[in-house]
Amino acid sequence: MESLLRTPKIALLIILALLSLAVASCTPNANAEIISPDLGEKLAAAEAGSEVVIQPTPEPKRLADLSPEEITAGLPPAIADALANADPSHGAELALQYGCVGCHSLDPAQQMTGPTWHNIGDTAIERVPDMSPALYLYESIVDPNSFVVPGYPANIMPQNYGETLSEQEIADLIAYMLEQHGQP
């Protein structure tokens, strides 16, 4: 045995075999409970012999699942009327003209001063509870500090877009942002 261990190649093979066994024995159990807020409750129920029911993770709402009324609920009537005839491509031009793209990106991997606009149409549905996506976007334009996305600074976005943009321009920007949904 000593002569076998003196041969470096054989010694290396033995070490690799032992390491392979060690790694294989550390394979996690795919059926084991993972750490979650209700893990204690689940383990206690399992120990007591009770049936453990695991609820599926709810699917987030998507803009495509909402009716036009749900999308625009709460908007000022003049903005809702303007949104009915809005031009999203003009909204994209306005985003360039007013420098919105300097702080907001359509690329989710690009970290900027403001939150991404990637899927903002879908994100806006649940960003502020009980607020429609169009109303959230409207408020974000005319009163940007009314809700600041966690992790982003307040008082960065100009506070006067409600006065400098026309109702139609605001509607065009909202239409452009609402088009940003359903993306992978």
C-alpha atoms as a PDB file:
ATOM      1  CA  MET A   1       0.000   0.000   0.000  1.00  0.00           C
ATOM      2  CA  GLU A   2       2.866   2.346   0.840  1.00  0.00           C
ATOM      3  CA  SER A   3       4.365   1.884  -2.619  1.00  0.00           C
ATOM      4  CA  LEU A   4       1.002   2.775  -4.200  1.00  0.00           C
ATOM      5  CA  LEU A   5       0.817   6.043  -2.284  1.00  0.00           C
ATOM      6  CA  ARG A   6       4.339   6.916  -3.379  1.00  0.00           C
ATOM      7  CA  THR A   7       3.215   6.990  -6.952  1.00  0.00           C
ATOM      8  CA  PRO A   8       1.850  10.510  -7.399  1.00  0.00           C
ATOM      9  CA  LYS A   9      -0.714   9.588 -10.047  1.00  0.00           C
ATOM     10  CA  ILE A  10      -2.293   6.856  -7.965  1.00  0.00           C
ATOM     11  CA  ALA A  11      -2.284   9.030  -4.853  1.00  0.00           C
ATOM     12  CA  LEU A  12      -4.010  11.779  -6.806  1.00  0.00           C
ATOM     13  CA  LEU A  13      -6.635   9.343  -8.106  1.00  0.00           C
ATOM     14  CA  ILE A  14      -7.343   8.093  -4.588  1.00  0.00           C
ATOM     15  CA  ILE A  15      -7.712  11.669  -3.313  1.00  0.00           C
ATOM     16  CA  LEU A  16     -10.055  12.553  -6.197  1.00  0.00           C
ATOM     17  CA  ALA A  17     -12.148   9.449  -5.546  1.00  0.00           C
ATOM     18  CA  LEU A  18     -12.464  10.345  -1.856  1.00  0.00           C
ATOM     19  CA  LEU A  19     -13.397  13.937  -2.742  1.00  0.00           C
ATOM     20  CA  SER A  20     -16.015  12.683  -5.204  1.00  0.00           C
ATOM     21  CA  LEU A  21     -17.570  10.547  -2.471  1.00  0.00           C
ATOM     22  CA  ALA A  22     -17.555  13.491  -0.072  1.00  0.00           C
ATOM     23  CA  VAL A  23     -19.218  15.799  -2.592  1.00  0.00           C
ATOM     24  CA  ALA A  24     -21.818  13.203  -3.555  1.00  0.00           C
ATOM     25  CA  SER A  25     -22.764  12.725   0.082  1.00  0.00           C
ATOM     26  CA  CYS A  26     -23.480  16.473   0.357  1.00  0.00           C
ATOM     27  CA  THR A  27     -26.127  16.475  -2.376  1.00  0.00           C
ATOM     28  CA  PRO A  28     -29.156  18.363  -1.019  1.00  0.00           C
ATOM     29  CA  ASN A  29     -32.538  16.720  -0.698  1.00  0.00           C
ATOM     30  CA  ALA A  30     -34.757  18.354  -3.323  1.00  0.00           C
ATOM     31  CA  ASN A  31     -37.859  17.378  -1.328  1.00  0.00           C
ATOM     32  CA  ALA A  32     -36.713  18.937   1.951  1.00  0.00           C
ATOM     33  CA  GLU A  33     -38.384  22.084   3.286  1.00  0.00           C
ATOM     34  CA  ILE A  34     -36.530  25.253   2.519  1.00  0.00           C
ATOM     35  CA  ILE A  35     -36.248  28.235   4.787  1.00  0.00           C
ATOM     36  CA  SER A  36     -39.385  30.349   4.518  1.00  0.00           C
ATOM     37  CA  PRO A  37     -41.435  32.555   6.846  1.00  0.00           C
ATOM     38  CA  ASP A  38     -43.844  29.697   7.592  1.00  0.00           C
ATOM     39  CA  LEU A  39     -41.274  26.891   7.866  1.00  0.00           C
ATOM     40  CA  GLY A  40     -41.756  26.494  11.638  1.00  0.00           C
ATOM     41  CA  GLU A  41     -45.496  26.148  11.197  1.00  0.00           C
ATOM     42  CA  LYS A  42     -45.032  23.531   8.450  1.00  0.00           C
ATOM     43  CA  LEU A  43     -42.515  21.506  10.476  1.00  0.00           C
ATOM     44  CA  ALA A  44     -44.753  21.565  13.568  1.00  0.00           C
ATOM     45  CA  ALA A  45     -47.732  20.390  11.498  1.00  0.00           C
ATOM     46  CA  ALA A  46     -45.671  17.601   9.936  1.00  0.00           C
ATOM     47  CA  GLU A  47     -44.418  16.444  13.367  1.00  0.00           C
ATOM     48  CA  ALA A  48     -47.981  16.456  14.711  1.00  0.00           C
ATOM     49  CA  GLY A  49     -49.066  14.293  11.797  1.00  0.00           C
ATOM     50  CA  SER A  50     -51.233  17.027  10.328  1.00  0.00           C
ATOM     51  CA  GLU A  51     -51.507  17.523   6.623  1.00  0.00           C
ATOM     52  CA  VAL A  52     -49.186  20.221   5.407  1.00  0.00           C
ATOM     53  CA  VAL A  53     -50.723  22.321   2.654  1.00  0.00           C
ATOM     54  CA  ILE A  54     -48.358  24.491   0.699  1.00  0.00           C
ATOM     55  CA  GLN A  55     -49.997  27.295  -1.255  1.00  0.00           C
ATOM     56  CA  PRO A  56     -48.514  28.117  -4.627  1.00  0.00           C
ATOM     57  CA  THR A  57     -46.847  31.479  -5.058  1.00  0.00           C
ATOM     58  CA  PRO A  58     -49.443  33.806  -6.551  1.00  0.00           C
ATOM     59  CA  GLU A  59     -48.751  35.045 -10.063  1.00  0.00           C
ATOM     60  CA  PRO A  60     -48.299  38.807 -10.202  1.00  0.00           C
ATOM     61  CA  LYS A  61     -50.986  40.722 -12.062  1.00  0.00           C
ATOM     62  CA  ARG A  62     -50.191  41.766 -15.592  1.00  0.00           C
ATOM     63  CA  LEU A  63     -51.405  44.785 -17.499  1.00  0.00           C
ATOM     64  CA  ALA A  64     -52.845  42.493 -20.176  1.00  0.00           C
ATOM     65  CA  ASP A  65     -55.176  40.997 -17.536  1.00  0.00           C
ATOM     66  CA  LEU A  66     -56.792  44.344 -16.666  1.00  0.00           C
ATOM     67  CA  SER A  67     -59.724  46.047 -18.322  1.00  0.00           C
ATOM     68  CA  PRO A  68     -59.263  49.572 -19.718  1.00  0.00           C
ATOM     69  CA  GLU A  69     -61.292  50.876 -16.763  1.00  0.00           C
ATOM     70  CA  GLU A  70     -58.980  49.128 -14.279  1.00  0.00           C
ATOM     71  CA  ILE A  71     -55.916  50.559 -16.030  1.00  0.00           C
ATOM     72  CA  THR A  72     -57.145  54.164 -15.896  1.00  0.00           C
ATOM     73  CA  ALA A  73     -59.172  54.187 -12.661  1.00  0.00           C
ATOM     74  CA  GLY A  74     -58.808  57.397 -10.674  1.00  0.00           C
ATOM     75  CA  LEU A  75     -57.179  59.493 -13.406  1.00  0.00           C
ATOM     76  CA  PRO A  76     -58.339  63.100 -13.665  1.00  0.00           C
ATOM     77  CA  PRO A  77     -61.014  63.167 -16.405  1.00  0.00           C
ATOM     78  CA  ALA A  78     -58.960  65.420 -18.709  1.00  0.00           C
ATOM     79  CA  ILE A  79     -55.983  63.031 -18.531  1.00  0.00           C
ATOM     80  CA  ALA A  80     -58.238  59.990 -19.057  1.00  0.00           C
ATOM     81  CA  ASP A  81     -59.728  61.664 -22.149  1.00  0.00           C
ATOM     82  CA  ALA A  82     -56.256  62.548 -23.460  1.00  0.00           C
ATOM     83  CA  LEU A  83     -55.052  58.989 -22.788  1.00  0.00           C
ATOM     84  CA  ALA A  84     -57.852  57.624 -25.002  1.00  0.00           C
ATOM     85  CA  ASN A  85     -56.160  59.391 -27.959  1.00  0.00           C
ATOM     86  CA  ALA A  86     -52.557  59.200 -26.744  1.00  0.00           C
ATOM     87  CA  ASP A  87     -49.597  58.600 -29.025  1.00  0.00           C
ATOM     88  CA  PRO A  88     -47.019  56.318 -27.356  1.00  0.00           C
ATOM     89  CA  SER A  89     -44.385  57.090 -30.000  1.00  0.00           C
ATOM     90  CA  HIS A  90     -44.709  60.794 -29.145  1.00  0.00           C
ATOM     91  CA  GLY A  91     -44.319  59.751 -25.489  1.00  0.00           C
ATOM     92  CA  ALA A  92     -41.001  58.085 -26.407  1.00  0.00           C
ATOM     93  CA  GLU A  93     -39.883  61.321 -28.092  1.00  0.00           C
ATOM     94  CA  LEU A  94     -40.904  63.313 -25.004  1.00  0.00           C
ATOM     95  CA  ALA A  95     -38.908  60.931 -22.788  1.00  0.00           C
ATOM     96  CA  LEU A  96     -35.849  61.853 -24.853  1.00  0.00           C
ATOM     97  CA  GLN A  97     -36.676  65.562 -25.085  1.00  0.00           C
ATOM     98  CA  TYR A  98     -37.223  66.021 -21.354  1.00  0.00           C
ATOM     99  CA  GLY A  99     -34.297  63.825 -20.328  1.00  0.00           C
ATOM    100  CA  CYS A 100     -36.332  61.025 -18.723  1.00  0.00           C
ATOM    101  CA  VAL A 101     -34.001  58.466 -20.315  1.00  0.00           C
ATOM    102  CA  GLY A 102     -31.100  60.007 -18.436  1.00  0.00           C
ATOM    103  CA  CYS A 103     -32.450  58.479 -15.210  1.00  0.00           C
ATOM    104  CA  HIS A 104     -34.772  55.685 -16.423  1.00  0.00           C
ATOM    105  CA  SER A 105     -33.723  52.809 -18.672  1.00  0.00           C
ATOM    106  CA  LEU A 106     -35.635  50.127 -20.544  1.00  0.00           C
ATOM    107  CA  ASP A 107     -32.775  47.744 -19.749  1.00  0.00           C
ATOM    108  CA  PRO A 108     -33.479  46.035 -16.400  1.00  0.00           C
ATOM    109  CA  ALA A 109     -29.783  45.295 -15.898  1.00  0.00           C
ATOM    110  CA  GLN A 110     -28.759  48.945 -16.205  1.00  0.00           C
ATOM    111  CA  GLN A 111     -28.791  50.622 -12.778  1.00  0.00           C
ATOM    112  CA  MET A 112     -29.582  54.318 -13.051  1.00  0.00           C
ATOM    113  CA  THR A 113     -30.652  57.175 -10.781  1.00  0.00           C
ATOM    114  CA  GLY A 114     -34.342  56.341 -11.287  1.00  0.00           C
ATOM    115  CA  PRO A 115     -36.102  52.974 -11.406  1.00  0.00           C
ATOM    116  CA  THR A 116     -36.141  51.005 -14.644  1.00  0.00           C
ATOM    117  CA  TRP A 117     -38.986  51.390 -17.106  1.00  0.00           C
ATOM    118  CA  HIS A 118     -38.568  47.755 -18.150  1.00  0.00           C
ATOM    119  CA  ASN A 119     -42.058  46.264 -17.715  1.00  0.00           C
ATOM    120  CA  ILE A 120     -43.216  49.452 -15.956  1.00  0.00           C
ATOM    121  CA  GLY A 121     -46.739  48.819 -17.272  1.00  0.00           C
ATOM    122  CA  ASP A 122     -46.861  45.584 -15.273  1.00  0.00           C
ATOM    123  CA  THR A 123     -44.872  46.938 -12.334  1.00  0.00           C
ATOM    124  CA  ALA A 124     -47.199  49.951 -11.993  1.00  0.00           C
ATOM    125  CA  ILE A 125     -50.124  47.657 -11.209  1.00  0.00           C
ATOM    126  CA  GLU A 126     -48.860  46.828  -7.733  1.00  0.00           C
ATOM    127  CA  ARG A 127     -46.304  49.542  -7.034  1.00  0.00           C
ATOM    128  CA  VAL A 128     -48.785  51.507  -4.892  1.00  0.00           C
ATOM    129  CA  PRO A 129     -51.667  49.451  -3.439  1.00  0.00           C
ATOM    130  CA  ASP A 130     -55.166  50.483  -4.556  1.00  0.00           C
ATOM    131  CA  MET A 131     -53.820  52.762  -7.295  1.00  0.00           C
ATOM    132  CA  SER A 132     -54.359  51.993 -10.970  1.00  0.00           C
ATOM    133  CA  PRO A 133     -51.251  51.715 -13.146  1.00  0.00           C
ATOM    134  CA  ALA A 134     -52.115  54.839 -15.171  1.00  0.00           C
ATOM    135  CA  LEU A 135     -52.805  56.843 -12.016  1.00  0.00           C
ATOM    136  CA  TYR A 136     -49.512  55.696 -10.491  1.00  0.00           C
ATOM    137  CA  LEU A 137     -47.642  56.815 -13.626  1.00  0.00           C
ATOM    138  CA  TYR A 138     -49.549  60.106 -13.712  1.00  0.00           C
ATOM    139  CA  GLU A 139     -48.690  60.818 -10.066  1.00  0.00           C
ATOM    140  CA  SER A 140     -45.066  59.839 -10.727  1.00  0.00           C
ATOM    141  CA  ILE A 141     -44.878  62.500 -13.440  1.00  0.00           C
ATOM    142  CA  VAL A 142     -46.741  65.401 -11.808  1.00  0.00           C
ATOM    143  CA  ASP A 143     -45.858  64.714  -8.153  1.00  0.00           C
ATOM    144  CA  PRO A 144     -42.807  62.435  -8.205  1.00  0.00           C
ATOM    145  CA  ASN A 145     -42.229  62.577  -4.447  1.00  0.00           C
ATOM    146  CA  SER A 146     -45.731  61.321  -3.618  1.00  0.00           C
ATOM    147  CA  PHE A 147     -44.261  57.809  -3.839  1.00  0.00           C
ATOM    148  CA  VAL A 148     -40.535  57.177  -4.105  1.00  0.00           C
ATOM    149  CA  VAL A 149     -39.520  53.655  -5.066  1.00  0.00           C
ATOM    150  CA  PRO A 150     -37.506  52.107  -2.210  1.00  0.00           C
ATOM    151  CA  GLY A 151     -33.792  52.269  -2.876  1.00  0.00           C
ATOM    152  CA  TYR A 152     -34.024  55.409  -5.022  1.00  0.00           C
ATOM    153  CA  PRO A 153     -33.453  59.009  -3.902  1.00  0.00           C
ATOM    154  CA  ALA A 154     -36.245  61.569  -3.502  1.00  0.00           C
ATOM    155  CA  ASN A 155     -36.125  65.098  -4.891  1.00  0.00           C
ATOM    156  CA  ILE A 156     -34.143  64.124  -8.001  1.00  0.00           C
ATOM    157  CA  MET A 157     -36.900  64.256 -10.618  1.00  0.00           C
ATOM    158  CA  PRO A 158     -38.111  67.725 -11.616  1.00  0.00           C
ATOM    159  CA  GLN A 159     -41.240  68.639  -9.653  1.00  0.00           C
ATOM    160  CA  ASN A 160     -42.794  70.874 -12.303  1.00  0.00           C
ATOM    161  CA  TYR A 161     -43.794  68.507 -15.111  1.00  0.00           C
ATOM    162  CA  GLY A 162     -47.448  69.049 -14.150  1.00  0.00           C
ATOM    163  CA  GLU A 163     -47.030  72.699 -15.169  1.00  0.00           C
ATOM    164  CA  THR A 164     -44.578  72.368 -18.070  1.00  0.00           C
ATOM    165  CA  LEU A 165     -46.207  69.447 -19.900  1.00  0.00           C
ATOM    166  CA  SER A 166     -49.635  69.656 -21.496  1.00  0.00           C
ATOM    167  CA  GLU A 167     -52.313  67.138 -20.538  1.00  0.00           C
ATOM    168  CA  GLN A 168     -51.830  65.458 -23.928  1.00  0.00           C
ATOM    169  CA  GLU A 169     -48.049  65.217 -23.435  1.00  0.00           C
ATOM    170  CA  ILE A 170     -48.561  63.659 -20.004  1.00  0.00           C
ATOM    171  CA  ALA A 171     -51.026  61.200 -21.544  1.00  0.00           C
ATOM    172  CA  ASP A 172     -48.546  60.382 -24.332  1.00  0.00           C
ATOM    173  CA  LEU A 173     -45.829  59.657 -21.742  1.00  0.00           C
ATOM    174  CA  ILE A 174     -48.230  57.469 -19.757  1.00  0.00           C
ATOM    175  CA  ALA A 175     -49.226  55.587 -22.937  1.00  0.00           C
ATOM    176  CA  TYR A 176     -45.551  55.035 -23.775  1.00  0.00           C
ATOM    177  CA  MET A 177     -44.806  53.671 -20.309  1.00  0.00           C
ATOM    178  CA  LEU A 178     -47.919  51.475 -20.319  1.00  0.00           C
ATOM    179  CA  GLU A 179     -46.639  49.898 -23.545  1.00  0.00           C
ATOM    180  CA  GLN A 180     -43.641  48.631 -21.572  1.00  0.00           C
ATOM    181  CA  HIS A 181     -45.191  45.377 -20.312  1.00  0.00           C
ATOM    182  CA  GLY A 182     -45.108  41.632 -20.818  1.00  0.00           C
ATOM    183  CA  GLN A 183     -41.385  41.623 -21.505  1.00  0.00           C
ATOM    184  CA  PRO A 184     -39.148  38.759 -20.403  1.00  0.00           C
END
